[in-house]
Amino acid sequence: GTGRRTASIKAETALDLVTLRQDDFRRLTENLDALKKVMQRSIAARHGYAGIADVLDAHPELERRGIGGLMSTPAESLSPGTTLEEAANQFHGGRPGYPVADEAGVLVGYCGRAELYDAMRVRLGSNAPVEKFMRADPPCVTVDQPLRAAIAAMLQEQIEVLPVLTADGTRRIAGVLSPIDIFRDAVALR
């Protein structure tokens, strides 16, 4: 129940006692649970990075092929005006995430399953544009960066599909890279 609990405890050394009201205790435990989830995701990302790094160590030719040789191209993307309903339909039969690009093909955001589910959860409405719920300023790499930089970005930032930009500084999307692209090529090399 929610009744008052009492206990008798005797300290062996001097200490400070902090008491919390029930609602403060509840808020504290909710925040600790959120912190625990963040820590678990961070640990999983570290293990994931180590696992993909092992694949690269076993197949140095993957690293030589680089991001440009492993990425999927052309990159399927969403436009900022794509509606929640249209985005959900694209997710249904496609990738777990999409870069969001303007008319010139310049990266303006990212929409993964988490962003899509959050938009549904807060009931934005089926006509809400992607720009209202996309991840602004998403992690990305350029096609000329080392493959390990892409892997680190994918895992640290928890992004399912990493936008790969052209190397000319225009922020135009050249392709996308996912851990599946890397593993698929590693399996093909066996």
C-alpha atoms as a PDB file:
ATOM      1  CA  GLY A   1       0.000   0.000   0.000  1.00  0.00           C
ATOM      2  CA  THR A   2       0.894   3.650   0.223  1.00  0.00           C
ATOM      3  CA  GLY A   3       0.813   3.835   4.021  1.00  0.00           C
ATOM      4  CA  ARG A   4       3.627   5.298   6.082  1.00  0.00           C
ATOM      5  CA  ARG A   5       6.557   2.995   6.818  1.00  0.00           C
ATOM      6  CA  THR A   6       8.788   3.291   9.841  1.00  0.00           C
ATOM      7  CA  ALA A   7      12.026   1.575  10.787  1.00  0.00           C
ATOM      8  CA  SER A   8      14.555   1.848  13.582  1.00  0.00           C
ATOM      9  CA  ILE A   9      18.150   2.029  12.446  1.00  0.00           C
ATOM     10  CA  LYS A  10      21.256   2.841  14.440  1.00  0.00           C
ATOM     11  CA  ALA A  11      24.281   4.247  12.594  1.00  0.00           C
ATOM     12  CA  GLU A  12      27.743   3.111  13.580  1.00  0.00           C
ATOM     13  CA  THR A  13      29.331   6.392  12.458  1.00  0.00           C
ATOM     14  CA  ALA A  14      28.103   9.977  12.109  1.00  0.00           C
ATOM     15  CA  LEU A  15      26.037  10.597   9.000  1.00  0.00           C
ATOM     16  CA  ASP A  16      23.660  13.034   7.358  1.00  0.00           C
ATOM     17  CA  LEU A  17      20.099  11.886   6.861  1.00  0.00           C
ATOM     18  CA  VAL A  18      18.070  13.017   3.864  1.00  0.00           C
ATOM     19  CA  THR A  19      14.330  12.476   3.772  1.00  0.00           C
ATOM     20  CA  LEU A  20      12.246  12.654   0.627  1.00  0.00           C
ATOM     21  CA  ARG A  21       8.551  13.141   0.173  1.00  0.00           C
ATOM     22  CA  GLN A  22       6.894  10.350  -1.781  1.00  0.00           C
ATOM     23  CA  ASP A  23       6.404  12.404  -4.962  1.00  0.00           C
ATOM     24  CA  ASP A  24      10.052  13.571  -4.868  1.00  0.00           C
ATOM     25  CA  PHE A  25      11.187   9.955  -4.428  1.00  0.00           C
ATOM     26  CA  ARG A  26       9.021   8.901  -7.391  1.00  0.00           C
ATOM     27  CA  ARG A  27      10.509  11.661  -9.585  1.00  0.00           C
ATOM     28  CA  LEU A  28      14.027  10.659  -8.543  1.00  0.00           C
ATOM     29  CA  THR A  29      13.447   6.993  -9.400  1.00  0.00           C
ATOM     30  CA  GLU A  30      11.911   7.938 -12.774  1.00  0.00           C
ATOM     31  CA  ASN A  31      15.014   9.983 -13.609  1.00  0.00           C
ATOM     32  CA  LEU A  32      17.291   7.175 -12.444  1.00  0.00           C
ATOM     33  CA  ASP A  33      15.425   4.793 -14.746  1.00  0.00           C
ATOM     34  CA  ALA A  34      15.958   7.191 -17.674  1.00  0.00           C
ATOM     35  CA  LEU A  35      19.658   7.466 -16.739  1.00  0.00           C
ATOM     36  CA  LYS A  36      19.913   3.668 -16.575  1.00  0.00           C
ATOM     37  CA  LYS A  37      18.464   3.389 -20.099  1.00  0.00           C
ATOM     38  CA  VAL A  38      20.931   5.977 -21.429  1.00  0.00           C
ATOM     39  CA  MET A  39      23.823   4.079 -19.808  1.00  0.00           C
ATOM     40  CA  GLN A  40      22.613   0.755 -21.233  1.00  0.00           C
ATOM     41  CA  ARG A  41      22.412   2.267 -24.738  1.00  0.00           C
ATOM     42  CA  SER A  42      25.896   3.737 -24.330  1.00  0.00           C
ATOM     43  CA  ILE A  43      27.332   0.361 -23.285  1.00  0.00           C
ATOM     44  CA  ALA A  44      25.526  -1.371 -26.180  1.00  0.00           C
ATOM     45  CA  ALA A  45      26.953   1.230 -28.588  1.00  0.00           C
ATOM     46  CA  ARG A  46      30.465   0.578 -27.290  1.00  0.00           C
ATOM     47  CA  HIS A  47      30.022  -3.185 -27.745  1.00  0.00           C
ATOM     48  CA  GLY A  48      28.568  -2.580 -31.225  1.00  0.00           C
ATOM     49  CA  TYR A  49      31.528  -0.412 -32.184  1.00  0.00           C
ATOM     50  CA  ALA A  50      33.925  -3.099 -30.933  1.00  0.00           C
ATOM     51  CA  GLY A  51      32.039  -5.729 -32.940  1.00  0.00           C
ATOM     52  CA  ILE A  52      32.181  -3.750 -36.187  1.00  0.00           C
ATOM     53  CA  ALA A  53      35.805  -2.791 -35.501  1.00  0.00           C
ATOM     54  CA  ASP A  54      36.552  -6.534 -35.236  1.00  0.00           C
ATOM     55  CA  VAL A  55      34.960  -7.028 -38.654  1.00  0.00           C
ATOM     56  CA  LEU A  56      37.198  -4.286 -40.075  1.00  0.00           C
ATOM     57  CA  ASP A  57      40.276  -5.833 -38.433  1.00  0.00           C
ATOM     58  CA  ALA A  58      39.406  -9.196 -40.004  1.00  0.00           C
ATOM     59  CA  HIS A  59      38.740  -7.607 -43.420  1.00  0.00           C
ATOM     60  CA  PRO A  60      41.111  -4.659 -43.962  1.00  0.00           C
ATOM     61  CA  GLU A  61      39.924  -4.470 -47.585  1.00  0.00           C
ATOM     62  CA  LEU A  62      36.625  -3.042 -46.276  1.00  0.00           C
ATOM     63  CA  GLU A  63      38.482  -0.108 -44.808  1.00  0.00           C
ATOM     64  CA  ARG A  64      40.342   0.367 -48.088  1.00  0.00           C
ATOM     65  CA  ARG A  65      37.012   0.453 -49.980  1.00  0.00           C
ATOM     66  CA  GLY A  66      35.960   3.179 -47.563  1.00  0.00           C
ATOM     67  CA  ILE A  67      32.632   4.845 -47.032  1.00  0.00           C
ATOM     68  CA  GLY A  68      32.170   5.541 -50.752  1.00  0.00           C
ATOM     69  CA  GLY A  69      32.597   1.889 -51.655  1.00  0.00           C
ATOM     70  CA  LEU A  70      30.214   0.584 -48.998  1.00  0.00           C
ATOM     71  CA  MET A  71      27.427   3.165 -48.854  1.00  0.00           C
ATOM     72  CA  SER A  72      24.050   2.671 -50.496  1.00  0.00           C
ATOM     73  CA  THR A  73      23.419   5.064 -53.339  1.00  0.00           C
ATOM     74  CA  PRO A  74      21.369   6.838 -54.470  1.00  0.00           C
ATOM     75  CA  ALA A  75      20.129   7.706 -50.998  1.00  0.00           C
ATOM     76  CA  GLU A  76      16.400   7.512 -50.497  1.00  0.00           C
ATOM     77  CA  SER A  77      15.404  10.618 -48.569  1.00  0.00           C
ATOM     78  CA  LEU A  78      12.345  12.412 -47.257  1.00  0.00           C
ATOM     79  CA  SER A  79      11.590  16.050 -47.937  1.00  0.00           C
ATOM     80  CA  PRO A  80      10.807  18.438 -45.054  1.00  0.00           C
ATOM     81  CA  GLY A  81       7.199  18.643 -46.297  1.00  0.00           C
ATOM     82  CA  THR A  82       6.611  14.870 -46.373  1.00  0.00           C
ATOM     83  CA  THR A  83       3.637  14.153 -44.099  1.00  0.00           C
ATOM     84  CA  LEU A  84       3.719  11.797 -41.126  1.00  0.00           C
ATOM     85  CA  GLU A  85       1.386   9.472 -43.029  1.00  0.00           C
ATOM     86  CA  GLU A  86       3.624   9.454 -46.126  1.00  0.00           C
ATOM     87  CA  ALA A  87       6.713   8.882 -43.967  1.00  0.00           C
ATOM     88  CA  ALA A  88       5.038   5.964 -42.159  1.00  0.00           C
ATOM     89  CA  ASN A  89       4.206   4.391 -45.531  1.00  0.00           C
ATOM     90  CA  GLN A  90       7.823   4.767 -46.674  1.00  0.00           C
ATOM     91  CA  PHE A  91       9.097   3.167 -43.452  1.00  0.00           C
ATOM     92  CA  HIS A  92       6.665   0.284 -43.854  1.00  0.00           C
ATOM     93  CA  GLY A  93       8.439  -1.073 -46.892  1.00  0.00           C
ATOM     94  CA  GLY A  94      11.906   0.424 -46.594  1.00  0.00           C
ATOM     95  CA  ARG A  95      14.832   1.397 -44.406  1.00  0.00           C
ATOM     96  CA  PRO A  96      14.839   2.085 -40.665  1.00  0.00           C
ATOM     97  CA  GLY A  97      15.730   5.736 -41.241  1.00  0.00           C
ATOM     98  CA  TYR A  98      15.978   8.403 -43.898  1.00  0.00           C
ATOM     99  CA  PRO A  99      17.954  11.603 -44.344  1.00  0.00           C
ATOM    100  CA  VAL A 100      15.737  14.635 -44.884  1.00  0.00           C
ATOM    101  CA  ALA A 101      16.876  16.724 -47.858  1.00  0.00           C
ATOM    102  CA  ASP A 102      15.754  20.004 -49.388  1.00  0.00           C
ATOM    103  CA  GLU A 103      15.047  20.407 -53.130  1.00  0.00           C
ATOM    104  CA  ALA A 104      18.781  20.737 -53.866  1.00  0.00           C
ATOM    105  CA  GLY A 105      19.577  17.438 -52.107  1.00  0.00           C
ATOM    106  CA  VAL A 106      21.156  19.224 -49.118  1.00  0.00           C
ATOM    107  CA  LEU A 107      20.875  17.480 -45.739  1.00  0.00           C
ATOM    108  CA  VAL A 108      18.479  19.331 -43.406  1.00  0.00           C
ATOM    109  CA  GLY A 109      17.571  16.571 -40.942  1.00  0.00           C
ATOM    110  CA  TYR A 110      17.023  12.892 -40.240  1.00  0.00           C
ATOM    111  CA  CYS A 111      13.960  10.797 -39.529  1.00  0.00           C
ATOM    112  CA  GLY A 112      14.419   7.384 -37.965  1.00  0.00           C
ATOM    113  CA  ARG A 113      11.915   5.069 -36.336  1.00  0.00           C
ATOM    114  CA  ALA A 114      12.372   6.847 -32.977  1.00  0.00           C
ATOM    115  CA  GLU A 115      11.393  10.213 -34.466  1.00  0.00           C
ATOM    116  CA  LEU A 116       8.477   8.634 -36.341  1.00  0.00           C
ATOM    117  CA  TYR A 117       7.191   6.831 -33.231  1.00  0.00           C
ATOM    118  CA  ASP A 118       7.576   9.972 -31.104  1.00  0.00           C
ATOM    119  CA  ALA A 119       5.470  11.921 -33.631  1.00  0.00           C
ATOM    120  CA  MET A 120       2.803   9.227 -33.464  1.00  0.00           C
ATOM    121  CA  ARG A 121       2.945   9.048 -29.683  1.00  0.00           C
ATOM    122  CA  VAL A 122       2.356  12.774 -29.216  1.00  0.00           C
ATOM    123  CA  ARG A 123      -0.454  12.622 -31.800  1.00  0.00           C
ATOM    124  CA  LEU A 124       0.918  15.240 -34.176  1.00  0.00           C
ATOM    125  CA  GLY A 125      -1.618  14.200 -36.797  1.00  0.00           C
ATOM    126  CA  SER A 126      -1.185  12.388 -40.097  1.00  0.00           C
ATOM    127  CA  ASN A 127      -0.624  15.637 -42.017  1.00  0.00           C
ATOM    128  CA  ALA A 128       2.216  16.905 -39.783  1.00  0.00           C
ATOM    129  CA  PRO A 129       5.302  17.587 -41.943  1.00  0.00           C
ATOM    130  CA  VAL A 130       8.550  15.732 -41.257  1.00  0.00           C
ATOM    131  CA  GLU A 131      10.274  19.049 -40.448  1.00  0.00           C
ATOM    132  CA  LYS A 132       8.098  19.233 -37.278  1.00  0.00           C
ATOM    133  CA  PHE A 133       9.461  15.980 -35.841  1.00  0.00           C
ATOM    134  CA  MET A 134      12.738  15.213 -37.653  1.00  0.00           C
ATOM    135  CA  ARG A 135      16.071  15.199 -35.895  1.00  0.00           C
ATOM    136  CA  ALA A 136      17.611  18.536 -36.834  1.00  0.00           C
ATOM    137  CA  ASP A 137      21.400  18.663 -37.280  1.00  0.00           C
ATOM    138  CA  PRO A 138      21.878  14.880 -37.473  1.00  0.00           C
ATOM    139  CA  PRO A 139      25.277  13.198 -37.390  1.00  0.00           C
ATOM    140  CA  CYS A 140      26.785  12.656 -40.832  1.00  0.00           C
ATOM    141  CA  VAL A 141      30.101  11.933 -42.514  1.00  0.00           C
ATOM    142  CA  THR A 142      31.611  12.909 -45.833  1.00  0.00           C
ATOM    143  CA  VAL A 143      32.412  10.332 -48.454  1.00  0.00           C
ATOM    144  CA  ASP A 144      36.175  10.872 -47.987  1.00  0.00           C
ATOM    145  CA  GLN A 145      36.310  10.252 -44.207  1.00  0.00           C
ATOM    146  CA  PRO A 146      37.672   6.987 -42.757  1.00  0.00           C
ATOM    147  CA  LEU A 147      35.166   4.169 -42.359  1.00  0.00           C
ATOM    148  CA  ARG A 148      35.836   3.983 -38.604  1.00  0.00           C
ATOM    149  CA  ALA A 149      34.639   7.603 -38.256  1.00  0.00           C
ATOM    150  CA  ALA A 150      31.326   6.569 -39.822  1.00  0.00           C
ATOM    151  CA  ILE A 151      31.001   3.577 -37.503  1.00  0.00           C
ATOM    152  CA  ALA A 152      31.752   5.710 -34.440  1.00  0.00           C
ATOM    153  CA  ALA A 153      29.152   8.292 -35.516  1.00  0.00           C
ATOM    154  CA  MET A 154      26.512   5.606 -36.142  1.00  0.00           C
ATOM    155  CA  LEU A 155      26.921   4.009 -32.767  1.00  0.00           C
ATOM    156  CA  GLN A 156      27.605   7.031 -30.554  1.00  0.00           C
ATOM    157  CA  GLU A 157      24.715   8.978 -32.013  1.00  0.00           C
ATOM    158  CA  GLN A 158      22.380   5.961 -32.235  1.00  0.00           C
ATOM    159  CA  ILE A 159      21.427   6.544 -35.829  1.00  0.00           C
ATOM    160  CA  GLU A 160      20.235   3.619 -37.915  1.00  0.00           C
ATOM    161  CA  VAL A 161      21.214   5.015 -41.306  1.00  0.00           C
ATOM    162  CA  LEU A 162      24.057   7.516 -41.461  1.00  0.00           C
ATOM    163  CA  PRO A 163      23.833  10.250 -44.107  1.00  0.00           C
ATOM    164  CA  VAL A 164      26.988  10.448 -46.226  1.00  0.00           C
ATOM    165  CA  LEU A 165      27.668  13.856 -47.757  1.00  0.00           C
ATOM    166  CA  THR A 166      29.710  14.826 -50.798  1.00  0.00           C
ATOM    167  CA  ALA A 167      33.248  16.003 -50.005  1.00  0.00           C
ATOM    168  CA  ASP A 168      32.784  19.417 -51.659  1.00  0.00           C
ATOM    169  CA  GLY A 169      31.330  21.189 -48.604  1.00  0.00           C
ATOM    170  CA  THR A 170      27.855  21.652 -50.110  1.00  0.00           C
ATOM    171  CA  ARG A 171      26.228  19.208 -47.594  1.00  0.00           C
ATOM    172  CA  ARG A 172      24.570  17.408 -50.513  1.00  0.00           C
ATOM    173  CA  ILE A 173      23.716  13.790 -49.763  1.00  0.00           C
ATOM    174  CA  ALA A 174      25.883  11.296 -51.671  1.00  0.00           C
ATOM    175  CA  GLY A 175      24.470   8.149 -50.053  1.00  0.00           C
ATOM    176  CA  VAL A 176      23.720   6.456 -46.749  1.00  0.00           C
ATOM    177  CA  LEU A 177      25.620   3.920 -44.694  1.00  0.00           C
ATOM    178  CA  SER A 178      24.265   1.415 -42.197  1.00  0.00           C
ATOM    179  CA  PRO A 179      25.897  -1.379 -40.176  1.00  0.00           C
ATOM    180  CA  ILE A 180      24.034  -3.783 -42.485  1.00  0.00           C
ATOM    181  CA  ASP A 181      25.954  -2.402 -45.498  1.00  0.00           C
ATOM    182  CA  ILE A 182      29.237  -3.150 -43.721  1.00  0.00           C
ATOM    183  CA  PHE A 183      28.266  -6.644 -42.530  1.00  0.00           C
ATOM    184  CA  ARG A 184      26.814  -7.556 -45.945  1.00  0.00           C
ATOM    185  CA  ASP A 185      30.104  -6.728 -47.622  1.00  0.00           C
ATOM    186  CA  ALA A 186      32.098  -8.530 -44.905  1.00  0.00           C
ATOM    187  CA  VAL A 187      30.057 -11.699 -45.433  1.00  0.00           C
ATOM    188  CA  ALA A 188      30.589 -11.424 -49.197  1.00  0.00           C
ATOM    189  CA  LEU A 189      34.367 -11.390 -48.607  1.00  0.00           C
ATOM    190  CA  ARG A 190      34.415 -14.706 -46.748  1.00  0.00           C
END
